[in-house]
Amino acid sequence: MPKHSFDGDGESFTRIRPPGGKNRRGRVTAGEHKLDQLYPDYAERAERTPSSRDPESAPEGDRWSTWDQSTAGERGPRPYPDWLVTDLAAVDTELGILKTGKEADVFLVERSVPGTGRATLMAAKRYRDSEHRMFHRDAGYLEGRRVKESRVNRAVAKRTAFGMQAIAGQWANAEFAALSRLWSAGAAVPYPIQILGTELLMEFIGAPDGTAAPRLVQLRPSPAELEDLWAQLGHVLSLMAMDGFTHGDLSAFNVLVHEGELFIIDVPQIVDVIGNPRGRSFLERDVRNIGAWFVAHGLAAERVGELAADLCSDAGLMPS
């Protein structure tokens, strides 16, 4: 059974559950879970937040699950995927580091309910504090992203310590919001589990043993595989453009491919192509950068320009 389904005009995108297998990215088809129905004593248990628990007492883990520390607006889109562990008795165990970067590090974390066999792997992206963060070219990305408080905008512009902390919050929240929006639209991105401060927990894309999916840059696809990956890429970028956004820093290094399925990752610098005066240039640069990898592996060069033009149209940008 194919993993992707398109309607006649190419607008809709659905992930299909493979026969007899578990699709970690599958959507729950039933109604939203009601915690007070699943747990009759939920109201009482909700008061027992991790902050009031002894971190040393977390059974078989490094910490109690932080799920109940995030508010409703800081959790991923509903309905929650069936693999998501939301139990208040769950614990988080850090298994190692997946990736280091200039702005954040990504760790592999298992969230499990001791004694039940229920567990899921997550990618924990932790943004560094303002003294150790090196946001590159952030001034251009932040154009068009302003908050209501003028003092925050002034601090961001001056890059004060407070302003740098505000920037960190903008980046983390922008990535969480972007992933939530794109997931809800059916785009191939990791499911955003929750955000708490500057830690973003996401679906882990990879094997059950913790082996991360390869990046696009690591692949040597056949002509047929290249064509399929280009079609998948064009679809997810079209979804973003129709919603008024572009990745902002797209390359073959921040695209994962797991079992033939392409995933866009690393979107903290997502750009509002309408609100940002340089929106078109960011969109076109994204297509050029990722397109260069495809051309190097056999894609006709003219198709890169065609995709860029199509995305500008999808975004409602006037012809240049």
Protein backbone atom coordinates (compact mmCIF):
# COMPACT_ATOMS: atom_id res chain seq x y z
CA MET A 1 0.00 0.00 0.00
CA PRO A 2 1.43 3.44 -0.90
CA LYS A 3 2.39 5.86 1.83
CA HIS A 4 1.02 8.92 0.06
CA SER A 5 -2.37 9.67 -1.43
CA PHE A 6 -3.15 12.69 -3.61
CA ASP A 7 -6.50 13.83 -4.92
CA GLY A 8 -7.08 14.83 -8.51
CA ASP A 9 -5.76 18.38 -8.24
CA GLY A 10 -2.84 17.50 -5.97
CA GLU A 11 -4.16 19.56 -3.09
CA SER A 12 -4.71 16.98 -0.37
CA PHE A 13 -2.09 14.78 1.25
CA THR A 14 -2.79 11.80 3.50
CA ARG A 15 -0.44 9.36 5.18
CA ILE A 16 -1.68 5.79 4.83
CA ARG A 17 -1.10 3.24 7.58
CA PRO A 18 0.82 0.26 6.11
CA PRO A 19 -0.97 -3.11 6.43
CA GLY A 20 -0.12 -4.91 9.64
CA GLY A 21 2.40 -2.26 10.70
CA LYS A 22 2.58 0.62 13.11
CA ASN A 23 2.70 4.07 11.60
CA ARG A 24 4.20 6.32 14.27
CA ARG A 25 2.98 9.29 12.28
CA GLY A 26 -0.60 7.98 11.97
CA ARG A 27 -3.50 10.12 13.15
CA VAL A 28 -6.06 8.92 15.72
CA THR A 29 -9.42 8.72 13.95
CA ALA A 30 -11.55 8.70 17.09
CA GLY A 31 -12.63 11.83 18.95
CA GLU A 32 -10.33 13.77 21.22
CA HIS A 33 -9.27 12.04 24.40
CA LYS A 34 -10.87 13.35 27.59
CA LEU A 35 -8.42 13.07 30.46
CA ASP A 36 -11.17 13.15 33.05
CA GLN A 37 -12.82 10.18 31.30
CA LEU A 38 -9.62 8.20 30.90
CA TYR A 39 -8.58 8.93 34.49
CA PRO A 40 -11.48 9.34 36.96
CA ASP A 41 -9.07 10.84 39.49
CA TYR A 42 -7.55 13.25 36.97
CA ALA A 43 -8.50 16.44 38.85
CA GLU A 44 -6.70 15.20 41.94
CA ARG A 45 -3.70 13.89 40.02
CA ALA A 46 -3.35 17.08 37.95
CA GLU A 47 -2.50 18.99 41.10
CA ARG A 48 0.51 16.72 41.60
CA THR A 49 2.74 18.53 39.08
CA PRO A 50 6.35 17.48 38.46
CA SER A 51 7.51 20.61 40.28
CA SER A 52 6.03 19.13 43.48
CA ARG A 53 7.50 15.69 42.87
CA ASP A 54 10.95 14.72 43.99
CA PRO A 55 13.04 14.46 40.77
CA GLU A 56 15.12 11.79 42.47
CA SER A 57 12.02 9.58 42.82
CA ALA A 58 11.20 9.26 39.12
CA PRO A 59 11.06 5.48 38.61
CA GLU A 60 13.26 4.05 35.86
CA GLY A 61 13.85 7.49 34.32
CA ASP A 62 15.76 10.76 34.52
CA ARG A 63 12.69 12.88 35.27
CA TRP A 64 8.93 12.74 35.53
CA SER A 65 7.14 13.41 32.25
CA THR A 66 6.78 17.14 31.63
CA TRP A 67 3.50 16.67 29.75
CA ASP A 68 1.33 18.18 32.49
CA GLN A 69 3.62 21.20 32.80
CA SER A 70 2.69 22.41 29.32
CA THR A 71 -0.61 24.22 28.87
CA ALA A 72 -3.14 23.29 26.20
CA GLY A 73 -1.61 25.83 23.82
CA GLU A 74 1.83 24.35 24.36
CA ARG A 75 0.85 20.84 23.26
CA GLY A 76 0.61 19.40 19.77
CA PRO A 77 -2.48 19.43 17.56
CA ARG A 78 -5.47 17.23 18.37
CA PRO A 79 -6.43 14.52 17.88
CA TYR A 80 -3.23 13.23 19.42
CA PRO A 81 -1.42 10.43 17.52
CA ASP A 82 -2.06 6.99 18.98
CA TRP A 83 1.63 6.52 19.81
CA LEU A 84 1.77 9.60 22.05
CA VAL A 85 2.27 8.92 25.77
CA THR A 86 0.38 11.44 27.90
CA ASP A 87 0.07 9.48 31.15
CA LEU A 88 0.82 11.47 34.28
CA ALA A 89 2.78 8.50 35.64
CA ALA A 90 5.18 8.50 32.67
CA VAL A 91 8.89 9.16 33.04
CA ASP A 92 11.44 10.56 30.59
CA THR A 93 14.78 8.85 30.07
CA GLU A 94 17.54 10.56 28.09
CA LEU A 95 19.26 8.10 25.75
CA GLY A 96 21.91 10.26 24.09
CA ILE A 97 22.49 13.18 21.75
CA LEU A 98 21.25 13.14 18.16
CA LYS A 99 22.60 16.42 16.83
CA THR A 100 24.55 19.50 17.94
CA GLY A 101 24.03 22.89 16.38
CA LYS A 102 24.81 26.58 16.73
CA GLU A 103 21.48 27.42 18.32
CA ALA A 104 20.33 24.17 19.90
CA ASP A 105 21.17 20.54 20.59
CA VAL A 106 18.82 17.63 19.93
CA PHE A 107 18.62 14.68 22.32
CA LEU A 108 16.94 11.28 22.09
CA VAL A 109 14.44 10.82 24.93
CA GLU A 110 12.16 7.90 25.72
CA ARG A 111 8.87 8.64 27.48
CA SER A 112 7.46 5.50 29.08
CA VAL A 113 5.00 4.29 31.69
CA PRO A 114 6.91 1.93 33.99
CA GLY A 115 5.51 -1.58 34.20
CA THR A 116 3.16 -1.19 31.20
CA GLY A 117 5.31 -1.55 28.11
CA ARG A 118 3.93 1.77 26.80
CA ALA A 119 6.73 3.95 25.48
CA THR A 120 7.63 6.33 22.69
CA LEU A 121 10.85 7.89 21.44
CA MET A 122 11.05 11.67 21.17
CA ALA A 123 13.53 14.22 19.86
CA ALA A 124 14.15 16.91 22.49
CA LYS A 125 15.44 20.13 20.93
CA ARG A 126 16.94 22.37 23.60
CA TYR A 127 17.84 25.91 22.72
CA ARG A 128 20.93 27.25 24.44
CA ASP A 129 20.85 30.19 26.85
CA SER A 130 21.56 33.65 25.50
CA GLU A 131 25.23 33.56 26.50
CA HIS A 132 25.99 30.44 24.46
CA ARG A 133 23.65 30.86 21.50
CA MET A 134 24.87 31.92 18.08
CA PHE A 135 21.81 32.64 15.95
CA HIS A 136 23.15 33.20 12.47
CA ARG A 137 21.68 35.89 10.26
CA ASP A 138 18.78 36.23 12.69
CA ALA A 139 18.14 39.90 11.92
CA GLY A 140 16.81 39.11 8.46
CA TYR A 141 14.67 36.23 9.65
CA LEU A 142 13.10 38.28 12.44
CA GLU A 143 11.87 41.02 10.12
CA GLY A 144 8.08 40.97 10.23
CA ARG A 145 8.08 39.16 13.59
CA ARG A 146 7.15 41.76 16.14
CA VAL A 147 5.42 41.44 19.48
CA LYS A 148 2.94 43.79 21.08
CA GLU A 149 5.27 45.13 23.77
CA SER A 150 7.46 47.91 22.38
CA ARG A 151 10.10 47.38 25.07
CA VAL A 152 10.59 43.82 23.86
CA ASN A 153 10.96 45.01 20.27
CA ARG A 154 13.53 47.61 21.36
CA ALA A 155 15.47 45.02 23.35
CA VAL A 156 15.48 42.63 20.40
CA ALA A 157 16.71 45.36 18.08
CA LYS A 158 19.54 46.31 20.47
CA ARG A 159 20.44 42.66 21.21
CA THR A 160 20.47 43.24 24.96
CA ALA A 161 20.59 40.23 27.29
CA PHE A 162 16.83 40.51 27.71
CA GLY A 163 16.46 40.89 23.96
CA MET A 164 18.51 37.76 23.29
CA GLN A 165 16.32 35.82 25.68
CA ALA A 166 13.25 37.16 23.89
CA ILE A 167 14.76 36.06 20.57
CA ALA A 168 15.26 32.55 21.98
CA GLY A 169 11.59 32.43 22.92
CA GLN A 170 10.59 33.67 19.48
CA TRP A 171 12.65 30.97 17.77
CA ALA A 172 11.37 28.12 19.92
CA ASN A 173 7.76 29.22 19.72
CA ALA A 174 8.01 29.92 16.00
CA GLU A 175 9.23 26.38 15.38
CA PHE A 176 6.52 24.84 17.55
CA ALA A 177 3.81 26.93 15.90
CA ALA A 178 5.12 26.14 12.43
CA LEU A 179 5.27 22.41 13.06
CA SER A 180 1.77 22.46 14.55
CA ARG A 181 0.35 24.35 11.58
CA LEU A 182 2.13 22.18 9.01
CA TRP A 183 1.21 18.91 10.72
CA SER A 184 -2.44 19.94 10.83
CA ALA A 185 -2.27 20.74 7.12
CA GLY A 186 -0.96 17.25 6.37
CA ALA A 187 2.63 18.23 5.65
CA ALA A 188 5.48 15.81 6.23
CA VAL A 189 7.04 17.22 9.40
CA PRO A 190 7.71 15.66 12.81
CA TYR A 191 4.71 15.85 15.12
CA PRO A 192 5.30 18.62 17.71
CA ILE A 193 4.57 16.95 21.06
CA GLN A 194 4.95 19.93 23.39
CA ILE A 195 6.98 23.01 24.19
CA LEU A 196 8.15 23.95 27.67
CA GLY A 197 10.35 27.01 27.96
CA THR A 198 13.09 26.55 25.37
CA GLU A 199 12.73 22.76 25.11
CA LEU A 200 10.74 21.50 22.14
CA LEU A 201 9.74 17.83 22.18
CA MET A 202 9.02 16.32 18.78
CA GLU A 203 8.31 12.99 17.17
CA PHE A 204 11.51 11.04 16.62
CA ILE A 205 11.96 10.17 12.95
CA GLY A 206 13.86 6.92 12.72
CA ALA A 207 13.97 3.26 13.72
CA PRO A 208 12.57 1.84 16.97
CA ASP A 209 16.13 1.11 18.12
CA GLY A 210 16.91 4.85 18.15
CA THR A 211 18.75 5.02 14.83
CA ALA A 212 17.85 8.38 13.29
CA ALA A 213 16.63 8.60 9.70
CA PRO A 214 19.33 9.70 7.24
CA ARG A 215 19.46 13.21 5.93
CA LEU A 216 18.77 13.80 2.25
CA VAL A 217 22.41 14.73 1.69
CA GLN A 218 23.44 11.18 2.66
CA LEU A 219 21.33 9.47 -0.02
CA ARG A 220 22.20 8.26 -3.51
CA PRO A 221 18.71 7.80 -4.99
CA SER A 222 17.80 6.03 -8.20
CA PRO A 223 16.10 8.13 -10.91
CA ALA A 224 12.68 6.89 -9.80
CA GLU A 225 13.44 7.61 -6.15
CA LEU A 226 14.74 11.06 -7.04
CA GLU A 227 11.53 11.87 -8.89
CA ASP A 228 9.40 10.68 -5.98
CA LEU A 229 11.39 12.72 -3.45
CA TRP A 230 11.13 15.83 -5.67
CA ALA A 231 7.34 15.38 -5.85
CA GLN A 232 7.13 15.03 -2.07
CA LEU A 233 9.32 18.09 -1.57
CA GLY A 234 7.25 20.17 -3.99
CA HIS A 235 4.06 19.22 -2.17
CA VAL A 236 5.24 20.13 1.34
CA LEU A 237 6.77 23.41 0.12
CA SER A 238 3.51 24.19 -1.66
CA LEU A 239 1.57 23.63 1.57
CA MET A 240 3.91 26.05 3.31
CA ALA A 241 3.68 28.65 0.56
CA MET A 242 -0.11 28.53 0.46
CA ASP A 243 -0.05 29.21 4.18
CA GLY A 244 2.27 32.18 3.57
CA PHE A 245 5.57 30.67 4.71
CA THR A 246 8.88 29.36 3.51
CA HIS A 247 11.48 27.37 5.44
CA GLY A 248 14.11 30.12 5.42
CA ASP A 249 17.20 27.90 5.57
CA LEU A 250 16.33 24.86 3.48
CA SER A 251 19.03 22.49 2.29
CA ALA A 252 19.72 18.78 1.89
CA PHE A 253 21.01 18.83 5.48
CA ASN A 254 17.62 19.57 7.11
CA VAL A 255 15.49 17.09 5.21
CA LEU A 256 15.15 13.54 6.53
CA VAL A 257 14.09 10.49 4.53
CA HIS A 258 12.60 7.57 6.48
CA GLU A 259 11.43 4.50 4.59
CA GLY A 260 11.01 6.54 1.43
CA GLU A 261 9.09 9.34 3.16
CA LEU A 262 10.53 12.84 3.20
CA PHE A 263 10.35 15.05 6.29
CA ILE A 264 11.19 18.74 6.62
CA ILE A 265 12.97 19.58 9.90
CA ASP A 266 14.69 22.55 11.59
CA VAL A 267 12.14 25.30 11.04
CA PRO A 268 12.86 27.87 13.80
CA GLN A 269 13.69 30.50 11.19
CA ILE A 270 10.49 29.97 9.19
CA VAL A 271 9.77 33.13 7.21
CA ASP A 272 6.47 34.91 6.67
CA VAL A 273 6.79 35.57 2.94
CA ILE A 274 4.12 38.26 3.05
CA GLY A 275 5.07 40.09 6.26
CA ASN A 276 8.82 39.88 5.67
CA PRO A 277 10.00 42.39 3.04
CA ARG A 278 12.57 39.83 1.89
CA GLY A 279 10.06 36.98 1.82
CA ARG A 280 10.35 36.29 -1.91
CA SER A 281 14.14 36.17 -1.80
CA PHE A 282 14.05 33.71 1.10
CA LEU A 283 11.58 31.48 -0.75
CA GLU A 284 13.58 31.53 -3.97
CA ARG A 285 16.82 30.86 -2.09
CA ASP A 286 15.25 27.86 -0.37
CA VAL A 287 14.33 26.36 -3.72
CA ARG A 288 17.75 27.09 -5.24
CA ASN A 289 19.61 25.56 -2.30
CA ILE A 290 17.61 22.34 -2.11
CA GLY A 291 17.28 22.20 -5.89
CA ALA A 292 21.05 22.19 -6.31
CA TRP A 293 21.24 18.81 -4.58
CA PHE A 294 18.52 17.37 -6.83
CA VAL A 295 20.18 18.75 -9.98
CA ALA A 296 23.50 17.23 -8.91
CA HIS A 297 21.73 13.85 -8.76
CA GLY A 298 20.05 14.10 -12.15
CA LEU A 299 17.07 16.45 -11.97
CA ALA A 300 16.65 18.78 -14.96
CA ALA A 301 17.89 22.24 -13.91
CA GLU A 302 14.90 24.10 -15.36
CA ARG A 303 12.56 22.33 -12.94
CA VAL A 304 14.08 24.23 -10.03
CA GLY A 305 13.02 27.57 -11.50
CA GLU A 306 9.60 26.16 -12.34
CA LEU A 307 9.07 25.10 -8.72
CA ALA A 308 10.15 28.50 -7.42
CA ALA A 309 7.66 30.22 -9.73
CA ASP A 310 4.88 27.85 -8.69
CA LEU A 311 5.57 28.45 -5.00
CA CYS A 312 5.53 32.23 -5.43
CA SER A 313 2.14 31.84 -7.09
CA ASP A 314 0.94 29.59 -4.28
CA ALA A 315 1.99 32.24 -1.78
CA GLY A 316 0.12 34.96 -3.67
CA LEU A 317 3.28 36.92 -4.49
CA MET A 318 3.11 39.15 -7.54
CA PRO A 319 5.43 38.20 -10.44
CA SER A 320 8.78 39.91 -10.09
